[in-house]
Amino acid sequence: MKPAVVFVHGLYMNGWDMTLLRRRVRDCGFDVYQFSYPSMRHTAEENADDLQAFISRLPQQEVHFVCHSLGGLVIRHLFHRYPQRPGRVITLGTPHHGSEVAHFLAGFRASRWLLGKSTVRALLGGAPEWITEHEIAGICGNKRLGVDVLLRVIKGPNDGTVAVADCQFEAFKQVIILPVSHMHMLFAQSVAAQCCAFLKTGQFSVCDAA
Protein backbone atom coordinates (compact mmCIF):
# COMPACT_ATOMS: atom_id res chain seq x y z
CA MET A 1 0.00 0.00 0.00
CA LYS A 2 1.29 3.45 -0.90
CA PRO A 3 1.89 6.05 1.83
CA ALA A 4 -0.92 8.55 2.27
CA VAL A 5 -0.60 12.29 1.83
CA VAL A 6 -3.37 14.40 3.36
CA PHE A 7 -3.79 17.90 1.95
CA VAL A 8 -5.11 20.67 4.20
CA HIS A 9 -6.23 23.91 2.55
CA GLY A 10 -6.15 27.48 3.81
CA LEU A 11 -8.59 30.24 4.72
CA TYR A 12 -11.71 30.64 2.53
CA MET A 13 -10.88 27.53 0.47
CA ASN A 14 -12.30 24.00 0.36
CA GLY A 15 -9.51 22.03 -1.32
CA TRP A 16 -10.30 22.61 -4.98
CA ASP A 17 -7.35 25.00 -5.09
CA MET A 18 -4.99 22.11 -4.24
CA THR A 19 -6.22 19.84 -7.05
CA LEU A 20 -3.19 20.25 -9.33
CA LEU A 21 -0.74 19.88 -6.47
CA ARG A 22 -2.53 16.73 -5.30
CA ARG A 23 -2.31 15.21 -8.78
CA ARG A 24 1.39 15.94 -9.05
CA VAL A 25 2.11 14.42 -5.64
CA ARG A 26 -0.05 11.41 -6.53
CA ASP A 27 2.04 10.93 -9.66
CA CYS A 28 5.13 10.78 -7.41
CA GLY A 29 3.80 7.54 -5.92
CA PHE A 30 1.46 8.50 -3.07
CA ASP A 31 -2.20 7.97 -2.29
CA VAL A 32 -3.64 11.47 -1.85
CA TYR A 33 -6.58 12.70 0.22
CA GLN A 34 -8.12 16.13 0.64
CA PHE A 35 -9.38 17.29 4.03
CA SER A 36 -11.94 20.08 3.74
CA TYR A 37 -13.02 22.11 6.74
CA PRO A 38 -14.99 25.29 7.60
CA SER A 39 -12.08 27.68 7.97
CA MET A 40 -14.16 30.63 9.19
CA ARG A 41 -16.90 29.00 11.24
CA HIS A 42 -14.67 26.79 13.38
CA THR A 43 -11.50 27.43 15.35
CA ALA A 44 -8.22 25.76 14.46
CA GLU A 45 -8.70 23.44 17.46
CA GLU A 46 -12.13 22.33 16.25
CA ASN A 47 -10.83 21.75 12.75
CA ALA A 48 -7.93 19.73 14.17
CA ASP A 49 -10.45 17.49 15.94
CA ASP A 50 -12.28 16.93 12.65
CA LEU A 51 -9.00 16.23 10.87
CA GLN A 52 -8.13 13.60 13.47
CA ALA A 53 -11.44 11.87 12.78
CA PHE A 54 -10.71 12.07 9.04
CA ILE A 55 -7.25 10.47 9.21
CA SER A 56 -8.39 7.83 11.70
CA ARG A 57 -10.30 6.25 8.80
CA LEU A 58 -7.26 5.98 6.53
CA PRO A 59 -5.83 2.46 6.12
CA GLN A 60 -2.18 3.47 5.63
CA GLN A 61 0.37 3.11 8.40
CA GLU A 62 2.35 6.08 7.05
CA VAL A 63 0.53 9.41 6.69
CA HIS A 64 2.14 12.63 5.44
CA PHE A 65 0.63 16.12 5.35
CA VAL A 66 0.88 19.01 2.89
CA CYS A 67 -0.73 22.13 4.30
CA HIS A 68 -1.31 25.55 2.78
CA SER A 69 -1.41 28.74 4.85
CA LEU A 70 -3.94 28.37 7.72
CA GLY A 71 -3.86 24.61 7.12
CA GLY A 72 -0.38 24.50 8.63
CA LEU A 73 -1.70 26.00 11.85
CA VAL A 74 -4.48 23.41 11.96
CA ILE A 75 -1.75 20.77 11.71
CA ARG A 76 0.14 22.28 14.64
CA HIS A 77 -3.00 21.92 16.74
CA LEU A 78 -3.50 18.37 15.45
CA PHE A 79 -0.02 17.20 16.44
CA HIS A 80 -0.28 19.01 19.77
CA ARG A 81 -3.53 17.24 20.64
CA TYR A 82 -3.15 13.76 19.16
CA PRO A 83 -0.40 11.18 18.59
CA GLN A 84 0.15 10.50 14.90
CA ARG A 85 1.37 7.68 12.67
CA PRO A 86 4.81 7.97 11.04
CA GLY A 87 4.99 10.62 8.33
CA ARG A 88 6.36 14.02 7.36
CA VAL A 89 4.74 17.45 7.26
CA ILE A 90 5.19 20.32 4.78
CA THR A 91 3.65 23.74 5.29
CA LEU A 92 3.26 26.11 2.35
CA GLY A 93 3.13 29.82 3.12
CA THR A 94 1.90 29.21 6.65
CA PRO A 95 2.11 32.25 8.97
CA HIS A 96 3.69 30.38 11.87
CA HIS A 97 4.41 33.63 13.71
CA GLY A 98 1.07 35.21 12.90
CA SER A 99 -0.15 37.14 9.90
CA GLU A 100 0.45 40.88 9.59
CA VAL A 101 -2.55 41.05 7.26
CA ALA A 102 -4.71 39.30 9.88
CA HIS A 103 -3.50 41.69 12.60
CA PHE A 104 -4.38 44.63 10.36
CA LEU A 105 -7.86 43.33 9.53
CA ALA A 106 -8.55 42.35 13.14
CA GLY A 107 -7.88 45.93 14.18
CA PHE A 108 -11.05 47.17 12.49
CA ARG A 109 -14.56 46.09 13.43
CA ALA A 110 -15.68 46.46 9.82
CA SER A 111 -13.11 43.95 8.54
CA ARG A 112 -12.74 41.61 11.53
CA TRP A 113 -15.52 39.37 10.23
CA LEU A 114 -13.34 38.48 7.22
CA LEU A 115 -11.19 36.33 9.50
CA GLY A 116 -13.95 34.44 11.31
CA LYS A 117 -12.96 32.16 14.17
CA SER A 118 -9.69 31.35 12.42
CA THR A 119 -8.02 34.26 14.24
CA VAL A 120 -8.34 32.58 17.64
CA ARG A 121 -4.90 31.18 18.58
CA ALA A 122 -4.04 30.82 14.91
CA LEU A 123 -3.64 33.67 12.45
CA LEU A 124 -2.81 36.12 15.22
CA GLY A 125 0.15 34.03 16.34
CA GLY A 126 -1.10 31.65 19.01
CA ALA A 127 -0.57 28.19 17.50
CA PRO A 128 0.99 25.63 19.89
CA GLU A 129 4.60 24.52 19.88
CA TRP A 130 5.78 21.49 17.90
CA ILE A 131 6.12 18.82 20.58
CA THR A 132 6.51 15.79 18.32
CA GLU A 133 9.57 14.25 16.66
CA HIS A 134 7.82 14.16 13.28
CA GLU A 135 9.83 15.98 10.62
CA ILE A 136 8.32 19.27 9.47
CA ALA A 137 9.59 21.54 6.70
CA GLY A 138 8.43 24.75 5.09
CA ILE A 139 8.14 26.28 1.64
CA CYS A 140 7.86 30.07 1.60
CA GLY A 141 7.33 32.42 -1.32
CA ASN A 142 8.91 35.78 -2.01
CA LYS A 143 6.93 36.90 -5.05
CA ARG A 144 4.84 39.81 -3.77
CA LEU A 145 1.52 39.27 -5.50
CA GLY A 146 -1.58 39.27 -3.35
CA VAL A 147 -3.62 41.29 -0.90
CA ASP A 148 -0.62 43.25 0.36
CA VAL A 149 -0.29 44.94 -3.01
CA LEU A 150 -3.31 46.93 -1.81
CA LEU A 151 -2.85 46.95 1.97
CA ARG A 152 0.95 47.40 2.12
CA VAL A 153 1.18 46.29 5.74
CA ILE A 154 3.70 43.44 5.42
CA LYS A 155 7.28 44.29 6.31
CA GLY A 156 10.13 42.76 4.30
CA PRO A 157 10.04 40.05 1.63
CA ASN A 158 6.69 38.34 1.32
CA ASP A 159 4.47 36.26 -0.96
CA GLY A 160 1.78 38.93 -1.17
CA THR A 161 -0.06 37.55 1.86
CA VAL A 162 2.51 36.22 4.35
CA ALA A 163 5.94 37.63 5.22
CA VAL A 164 8.89 35.31 4.68
CA ALA A 165 9.90 36.01 8.28
CA ASP A 166 6.48 34.89 9.56
CA CYS A 167 6.61 31.78 7.37
CA GLN A 168 9.66 30.56 9.32
CA PHE A 169 9.24 28.06 12.15
CA GLU A 170 11.81 26.99 14.73
CA ALA A 171 10.81 23.33 14.41
CA PHE A 172 11.54 23.17 10.67
CA LYS A 173 14.03 20.56 9.60
CA GLN A 174 14.45 22.57 6.41
CA VAL A 175 12.96 25.64 4.81
CA ILE A 176 13.17 26.73 1.19
CA ILE A 177 12.21 30.07 -0.35
CA LEU A 178 10.90 29.98 -3.90
CA PRO A 179 9.90 32.80 -6.32
CA VAL A 180 6.16 32.14 -5.99
CA SER A 181 3.22 34.05 -4.55
CA HIS A 182 0.89 32.81 -1.84
CA MET A 183 -1.62 31.26 -4.24
CA HIS A 184 0.73 30.52 -7.13
CA MET A 185 2.70 28.11 -4.95
CA LEU A 186 -0.22 25.68 -5.25
CA PHE A 187 0.18 25.57 -9.03
CA ALA A 188 3.97 25.80 -9.41
CA GLN A 189 5.79 22.70 -10.63
CA SER A 190 8.79 23.66 -8.50
CA VAL A 191 6.71 23.47 -5.31
CA ALA A 192 5.27 20.08 -6.25
CA ALA A 193 8.76 18.75 -6.99
CA GLN A 194 10.06 19.93 -3.61
CA CYS A 195 7.05 18.40 -1.85
CA CYS A 196 7.71 15.04 -3.51
CA ALA A 197 11.40 15.20 -2.63
CA PHE A 198 10.85 15.95 1.05
CA LEU A 199 8.02 13.46 1.52
CA LYS A 200 10.14 10.70 0.01
CA THR A 201 13.58 11.47 1.48
CA GLY A 202 13.23 14.05 4.24
CA GLN A 203 15.27 16.50 2.15
CA PHE A 204 14.39 19.20 -0.33
CA SER A 205 16.13 18.71 -3.66
CA VAL A 206 17.62 22.20 -3.37
CA CYS A 207 18.15 23.71 0.05
CA ASP A 208 18.06 27.50 -0.09
CA ALA A 209 17.90 28.13 3.62
CA ALA A 210 16.50 31.45 4.73
C-alpha atoms as a PDB file:
ATOM      1  CA  MET A   1       0.000   0.000   0.000  1.00  0.00           C
ATOM      2  CA  LYS A   2       1.295   3.453  -0.904  1.00  0.00           C
ATOM      3  CA  PRO A   3       1.890   6.053   1.833  1.00  0.00           C
ATOM      4  CA  ALA A   4      -0.925   8.546   2.271  1.00  0.00           C
ATOM      5  CA  VAL A   5      -0.603  12.295   1.828  1.00  0.00           C
ATOM      6  CA  VAL A   6      -3.366  14.401   3.360  1.00  0.00           C
ATOM      7  CA  PHE A   7      -3.786  17.902   1.948  1.00  0.00           C
ATOM      8  CA  VAL A   8      -5.111  20.670   4.204  1.00  0.00           C
ATOM      9  CA  HIS A   9      -6.227  23.910   2.553  1.00  0.00           C
ATOM     10  CA  GLY A  10      -6.147  27.482   3.809  1.00  0.00           C
ATOM     11  CA  LEU A  11      -8.591  30.235   4.719  1.00  0.00           C
ATOM     12  CA  TYR A  12     -11.705  30.638   2.532  1.00  0.00           C
ATOM     13  CA  MET A  13     -10.884  27.532   0.469  1.00  0.00           C
ATOM     14  CA  ASN A  14     -12.299  24.000   0.358  1.00  0.00           C
ATOM     15  CA  GLY A  15      -9.508  22.028  -1.315  1.00  0.00           C
ATOM     16  CA  TRP A  16     -10.303  22.613  -4.983  1.00  0.00           C
ATOM     17  CA  ASP A  17      -7.346  24.998  -5.089  1.00  0.00           C
ATOM     18  CA  MET A  18      -4.987  22.111  -4.241  1.00  0.00           C
ATOM     19  CA  THR A  19      -6.223  19.840  -7.049  1.00  0.00           C
ATOM     20  CA  LEU A  20      -3.191  20.247  -9.332  1.00  0.00           C
ATOM     21  CA  LEU A  21      -0.739  19.879  -6.470  1.00  0.00           C
ATOM     22  CA  ARG A  22      -2.535  16.730  -5.295  1.00  0.00           C
ATOM     23  CA  ARG A  23      -2.311  15.212  -8.776  1.00  0.00           C
ATOM     24  CA  ARG A  24       1.394  15.941  -9.051  1.00  0.00           C
ATOM     25  CA  VAL A  25       2.109  14.419  -5.641  1.00  0.00           C
ATOM     26  CA  ARG A  26      -0.047  11.413  -6.527  1.00  0.00           C
ATOM     27  CA  ASP A  27       2.037  10.934  -9.658  1.00  0.00           C
ATOM     28  CA  CYS A  28       5.127  10.780  -7.414  1.00  0.00           C
ATOM     29  CA  GLY A  29       3.804   7.541  -5.924  1.00  0.00           C
ATOM     30  CA  PHE A  30       1.460   8.498  -3.074  1.00  0.00           C
ATOM     31  CA  ASP A  31      -2.199   7.970  -2.287  1.00  0.00           C
ATOM     32  CA  VAL A  32      -3.642  11.469  -1.848  1.00  0.00           C
ATOM     33  CA  TYR A  33      -6.578  12.699   0.223  1.00  0.00           C
ATOM     34  CA  GLN A  34      -8.119  16.134   0.643  1.00  0.00           C
ATOM     35  CA  PHE A  35      -9.379  17.286   4.028  1.00  0.00           C
ATOM     36  CA  SER A  36     -11.940  20.078   3.738  1.00  0.00           C
ATOM     37  CA  TYR A  37     -13.021  22.107   6.740  1.00  0.00           C
ATOM     38  CA  PRO A  38     -14.989  25.294   7.603  1.00  0.00           C
ATOM     39  CA  SER A  39     -12.075  27.677   7.971  1.00  0.00           C
ATOM     40  CA  MET A  40     -14.161  30.630   9.188  1.00  0.00           C
ATOM     41  CA  ARG A  41     -16.901  29.003  11.240  1.00  0.00           C
ATOM     42  CA  HIS A  42     -14.668  26.785  13.381  1.00  0.00           C
ATOM     43  CA  THR A  43     -11.501  27.427  15.347  1.00  0.00           C
ATOM     44  CA  ALA A  44      -8.218  25.759  14.463  1.00  0.00           C
ATOM     45  CA  GLU A  45      -8.698  23.440  17.460  1.00  0.00           C
ATOM     46  CA  GLU A  46     -12.129  22.333  16.255  1.00  0.00           C
ATOM     47  CA  ASN A  47     -10.829  21.746  12.751  1.00  0.00           C
ATOM     48  CA  ALA A  48      -7.931  19.732  14.173  1.00  0.00           C
ATOM     49  CA  ASP A  49     -10.447  17.486  15.940  1.00  0.00           C
ATOM     50  CA  ASP A  50     -12.280  16.929  12.650  1.00  0.00           C
ATOM     51  CA  LEU A  51      -8.997  16.234  10.872  1.00  0.00           C
ATOM     52  CA  GLN A  52      -8.128  13.599  13.472  1.00  0.00           C
ATOM     53  CA  ALA A  53     -11.440  11.866  12.784  1.00  0.00           C
ATOM     54  CA  PHE A  54     -10.708  12.065   9.037  1.00  0.00           C
ATOM     55  CA  ILE A  55      -7.252  10.471   9.213  1.00  0.00           C
ATOM     56  CA  SER A  56      -8.385   7.832  11.697  1.00  0.00           C
ATOM     57  CA  ARG A  57     -10.300   6.250   8.801  1.00  0.00           C
ATOM     58  CA  LEU A  58      -7.264   5.981   6.528  1.00  0.00           C
ATOM     59  CA  PRO A  59      -5.832   2.459   6.119  1.00  0.00           C
ATOM     60  CA  GLN A  60      -2.178   3.472   5.633  1.00  0.00           C
ATOM     61  CA  GLN A  61       0.372   3.112   8.400  1.00  0.00           C
ATOM     62  CA  GLU A  62       2.349   6.081   7.054  1.00  0.00           C
ATOM     63  CA  VAL A  63       0.528   9.407   6.690  1.00  0.00           C
ATOM     64  CA  HIS A  64       2.138  12.625   5.442  1.00  0.00           C
ATOM     65  CA  PHE A  65       0.627  16.116   5.352  1.00  0.00           C
ATOM     66  CA  VAL A  66       0.884  19.015   2.892  1.00  0.00           C
ATOM     67  CA  CYS A  67      -0.735  22.134   4.297  1.00  0.00           C
ATOM     68  CA  HIS A  68      -1.308  25.551   2.778  1.00  0.00           C
ATOM     69  CA  SER A  69      -1.408  28.742   4.852  1.00  0.00           C
ATOM     70  CA  LEU A  70      -3.939  28.369   7.716  1.00  0.00           C
ATOM     71  CA  GLY A  71      -3.857  24.609   7.119  1.00  0.00           C
ATOM     72  CA  GLY A  72      -0.376  24.497   8.630  1.00  0.00           C
ATOM     73  CA  LEU A  73      -1.704  25.998  11.855  1.00  0.00           C
ATOM     74  CA  VAL A  74      -4.482  23.406  11.962  1.00  0.00           C
ATOM     75  CA  ILE A  75      -1.748  20.774  11.707  1.00  0.00           C
ATOM     76  CA  ARG A  76       0.141  22.278  14.635  1.00  0.00           C
ATOM     77  CA  HIS A  77      -2.997  21.915  16.737  1.00  0.00           C
ATOM     78  CA  LEU A  78      -3.497  18.369  15.446  1.00  0.00           C
ATOM     79  CA  PHE A  79      -0.024  17.204  16.443  1.00  0.00           C
ATOM     80  CA  HIS A  80      -0.278  19.009  19.767  1.00  0.00           C
ATOM     81  CA  ARG A  81      -3.527  17.245  20.642  1.00  0.00           C
ATOM     82  CA  TYR A  82      -3.151  13.757  19.164  1.00  0.00           C
ATOM     83  CA  PRO A  83      -0.396  11.175  18.588  1.00  0.00           C
ATOM     84  CA  GLN A  84       0.152  10.501  14.896  1.00  0.00           C
ATOM     85  CA  ARG A  85       1.371   7.675  12.672  1.00  0.00           C
ATOM     86  CA  PRO A  86       4.809   7.969  11.037  1.00  0.00           C
ATOM     87  CA  GLY A  87       4.989  10.621   8.333  1.00  0.00           C
ATOM     88  CA  ARG A  88       6.363  14.019   7.364  1.00  0.00           C
ATOM     89  CA  VAL A  89       4.743  17.454   7.258  1.00  0.00           C
ATOM     90  CA  ILE A  90       5.192  20.318   4.784  1.00  0.00           C
ATOM     91  CA  THR A  91       3.649  23.737   5.292  1.00  0.00           C
ATOM     92  CA  LEU A  92       3.260  26.110   2.348  1.00  0.00           C
ATOM     93  CA  GLY A  93       3.134  29.819   3.116  1.00  0.00           C
ATOM     94  CA  THR A  94       1.896  29.208   6.654  1.00  0.00           C
ATOM     95  CA  PRO A  95       2.106  32.255   8.972  1.00  0.00           C
ATOM     96  CA  HIS A  96       3.690  30.383  11.866  1.00  0.00           C
ATOM     97  CA  HIS A  97       4.412  33.631  13.707  1.00  0.00           C
ATOM     98  CA  GLY A  98       1.072  35.213  12.899  1.00  0.00           C
ATOM     99  CA  SER A  99      -0.149  37.139   9.901  1.00  0.00           C
ATOM    100  CA  GLU A 100       0.450  40.880   9.589  1.00  0.00           C
ATOM    101  CA  VAL A 101      -2.551  41.052   7.264  1.00  0.00           C
ATOM    102  CA  ALA A 102      -4.707  39.301   9.882  1.00  0.00           C
ATOM    103  CA  HIS A 103      -3.496  41.694  12.595  1.00  0.00           C
ATOM    104  CA  PHE A 104      -4.382  44.628  10.359  1.00  0.00           C
ATOM    105  CA  LEU A 105      -7.864  43.326   9.533  1.00  0.00           C
ATOM    106  CA  ALA A 106      -8.553  42.355  13.143  1.00  0.00           C
ATOM    107  CA  GLY A 107      -7.882  45.931  14.181  1.00  0.00           C
ATOM    108  CA  PHE A 108     -11.046  47.174  12.494  1.00  0.00           C
ATOM    109  CA  ARG A 109     -14.558  46.092  13.426  1.00  0.00           C
ATOM    110  CA  ALA A 110     -15.680  46.457   9.815  1.00  0.00           C
ATOM    111  CA  SER A 111     -13.105  43.951   8.541  1.00  0.00           C
ATOM    112  CA  ARG A 112     -12.740  41.606  11.534  1.00  0.00           C
ATOM    113  CA  TRP A 113     -15.523  39.367  10.233  1.00  0.00           C
ATOM    114  CA  LEU A 114     -13.341  38.485   7.225  1.00  0.00           C
ATOM    115  CA  LEU A 115     -11.190  36.333   9.502  1.00  0.00           C
ATOM    116  CA  GLY A 116     -13.953  34.437  11.310  1.00  0.00           C
ATOM    117  CA  LYS A 117     -12.963  32.157  14.169  1.00  0.00           C
ATOM    118  CA  SER A 118      -9.686  31.353  12.417  1.00  0.00           C
ATOM    119  CA  THR A 119      -8.025  34.258  14.244  1.00  0.00           C
ATOM    120  CA  VAL A 120      -8.339  32.582  17.640  1.00  0.00           C
ATOM    121  CA  ARG A 121      -4.904  31.180  18.578  1.00  0.00           C
ATOM    122  CA  ALA A 122      -4.043  30.817  14.911  1.00  0.00           C
ATOM    123  CA  LEU A 123      -3.644  33.666  12.447  1.00  0.00           C
ATOM    124  CA  LEU A 124      -2.808  36.120  15.218  1.00  0.00           C
ATOM    125  CA  GLY A 125       0.154  34.033  16.337  1.00  0.00           C
ATOM    126  CA  GLY A 126      -1.099  31.651  19.012  1.00  0.00           C
ATOM    127  CA  ALA A 127      -0.570  28.189  17.503  1.00  0.00           C
ATOM    128  CA  PRO A 128       0.987  25.625  19.892  1.00  0.00           C
ATOM    129  CA  GLU A 129       4.604  24.518  19.875  1.00  0.00           C
ATOM    130  CA  TRP A 130       5.777  21.489  17.897  1.00  0.00           C
ATOM    131  CA  ILE A 131       6.118  18.822  20.576  1.00  0.00           C
ATOM    132  CA  THR A 132       6.511  15.786  18.316  1.00  0.00           C
ATOM    133  CA  GLU A 133       9.569  14.255  16.657  1.00  0.00           C
ATOM    134  CA  HIS A 134       7.818  14.165  13.284  1.00  0.00           C
ATOM    135  CA  GLU A 135       9.830  15.985  10.622  1.00  0.00           C
ATOM    136  CA  ILE A 136       8.324  19.268   9.467  1.00  0.00           C
ATOM    137  CA  ALA A 137       9.592  21.544   6.701  1.00  0.00           C
ATOM    138  CA  GLY A 138       8.428  24.754   5.090  1.00  0.00           C
ATOM    139  CA  ILE A 139       8.141  26.277   1.645  1.00  0.00           C
ATOM    140  CA  CYS A 140       7.863  30.065   1.596  1.00  0.00           C
ATOM    141  CA  GLY A 141       7.326  32.418  -1.324  1.00  0.00           C
ATOM    142  CA  ASN A 142       8.913  35.784  -2.006  1.00  0.00           C
ATOM    143  CA  LYS A 143       6.929  36.899  -5.050  1.00  0.00           C
ATOM    144  CA  ARG A 144       4.842  39.807  -3.769  1.00  0.00           C
ATOM    145  CA  LEU A 145       1.518  39.265  -5.500  1.00  0.00           C
ATOM    146  CA  GLY A 146      -1.577  39.265  -3.350  1.00  0.00           C
ATOM    147  CA  VAL A 147      -3.624  41.286  -0.896  1.00  0.00           C
ATOM    148  CA  ASP A 148      -0.623  43.251   0.361  1.00  0.00           C
ATOM    149  CA  VAL A 149      -0.285  44.945  -3.011  1.00  0.00           C
ATOM    150  CA  LEU A 150      -3.314  46.933  -1.809  1.00  0.00           C
ATOM    151  CA  LEU A 151      -2.852  46.946   1.971  1.00  0.00           C
ATOM    152  CA  ARG A 152       0.946  47.397   2.115  1.00  0.00           C
ATOM    153  CA  VAL A 153       1.184  46.291   5.740  1.00  0.00           C
ATOM    154  CA  ILE A 154       3.705  43.437   5.416  1.00  0.00           C
ATOM    155  CA  LYS A 155       7.283  44.289   6.307  1.00  0.00           C
ATOM    156  CA  GLY A 156      10.125  42.763   4.305  1.00  0.00           C
ATOM    157  CA  PRO A 157      10.040  40.050   1.629  1.00  0.00           C
ATOM    158  CA  ASN A 158       6.686  38.336   1.318  1.00  0.00           C
ATOM    159  CA  ASP A 159       4.467  36.260  -0.958  1.00  0.00           C
ATOM    160  CA  GLY A 160       1.776  38.926  -1.173  1.00  0.00           C
ATOM    161  CA  THR A 161      -0.060  37.552   1.860  1.00  0.00           C
ATOM    162  CA  VAL A 162       2.512  36.218   4.354  1.00  0.00           C
ATOM    163  CA  ALA A 163       5.936  37.631   5.221  1.00  0.00           C
ATOM    164  CA  VAL A 164       8.890  35.315   4.681  1.00  0.00           C
ATOM    165  CA  ALA A 165       9.898  36.009   8.284  1.00  0.00           C
ATOM    166  CA  ASP A 166       6.476  34.891   9.565  1.00  0.00           C
ATOM    167  CA  CYS A 167       6.606  31.779   7.366  1.00  0.00           C
ATOM    168  CA  GLN A 168       9.657  30.556   9.321  1.00  0.00           C
ATOM    169  CA  PHE A 169       9.235  28.056  12.154  1.00  0.00           C
ATOM    170  CA  GLU A 170      11.806  26.991  14.731  1.00  0.00           C
ATOM    171  CA  ALA A 171      10.813  23.329  14.405  1.00  0.00           C
ATOM    172  CA  PHE A 172      11.542  23.167  10.668  1.00  0.00           C
ATOM    173  CA  LYS A 173      14.034  20.559   9.600  1.00  0.00           C
ATOM    174  CA  GLN A 174      14.448  22.568   6.415  1.00  0.00           C
ATOM    175  CA  VAL A 175      12.965  25.644   4.805  1.00  0.00           C
ATOM    176  CA  ILE A 176      13.168  26.731   1.192  1.00  0.00           C
ATOM    177  CA  ILE A 177      12.206  30.068  -0.347  1.00  0.00           C
ATOM    178  CA  LEU A 178      10.903  29.984  -3.903  1.00  0.00           C
ATOM    179  CA  PRO A 179       9.904  32.798  -6.318  1.00  0.00           C
ATOM    180  CA  VAL A 180       6.162  32.143  -5.990  1.00  0.00           C
ATOM    181  CA  SER A 181       3.222  34.049  -4.546  1.00  0.00           C
ATOM    182  CA  HIS A 182       0.891  32.806  -1.836  1.00  0.00           C
ATOM    183  CA  MET A 183      -1.619  31.263  -4.238  1.00  0.00           C
ATOM    184  CA  HIS A 184       0.725  30.523  -7.134  1.00  0.00           C
ATOM    185  CA  MET A 185       2.699  28.107  -4.949  1.00  0.00           C
ATOM    186  CA  LEU A 186      -0.224  25.676  -5.249  1.00  0.00           C
ATOM    187  CA  PHE A 187       0.182  25.568  -9.030  1.00  0.00           C
ATOM    188  CA  ALA A 188       3.969  25.801  -9.408  1.00  0.00           C
ATOM    189  CA  GLN A 189       5.793  22.697 -10.626  1.00  0.00           C
ATOM    190  CA  SER A 190       8.789  23.655  -8.496  1.00  0.00           C
ATOM    191  CA  VAL A 191       6.707  23.473  -5.313  1.00  0.00           C
ATOM    192  CA  ALA A 192       5.268  20.084  -6.248  1.00  0.00           C
ATOM    193  CA  ALA A 193       8.763  18.750  -6.988  1.00  0.00           C
ATOM    194  CA  GLN A 194      10.057  19.928  -3.615  1.00  0.00           C
ATOM    195  CA  CYS A 195       7.051  18.401  -1.847  1.00  0.00           C
ATOM    196  CA  CYS A 196       7.709  15.041  -3.514  1.00  0.00           C
ATOM    197  CA  ALA A 197      11.404  15.196  -2.626  1.00  0.00           C
ATOM    198  CA  PHE A 198      10.853  15.952   1.048  1.00  0.00           C
ATOM    199  CA  LEU A 199       8.023  13.463   1.515  1.00  0.00           C
ATOM    200  CA  LYS A 200      10.140  10.704   0.012  1.00  0.00           C
ATOM    201  CA  THR A 201      13.575  11.467   1.476  1.00  0.00           C
ATOM    202  CA  GLY A 202      13.227  14.046   4.235  1.00  0.00           C
ATOM    203  CA  GLN A 203      15.268  16.497   2.155  1.00  0.00           C
ATOM    204  CA  PHE A 204      14.392  19.195  -0.333  1.00  0.00           C
ATOM    205  CA  SER A 205      16.126  18.710  -3.659  1.00  0.00           C
ATOM    206  CA  VAL A 206      17.620  22.200  -3.368  1.00  0.00           C
ATOM    207  CA  CYS A 207      18.154  23.714   0.046  1.00  0.00           C
ATOM    208  CA  ASP A 208      18.061  27.503  -0.087  1.00  0.00           C
ATOM    209  CA  ALA A 209      17.896  28.128   3.616  1.00  0.00           C
ATOM    210  CA  ALA A 210      16.504  31.454   4.732  1.00  0.00           C
END
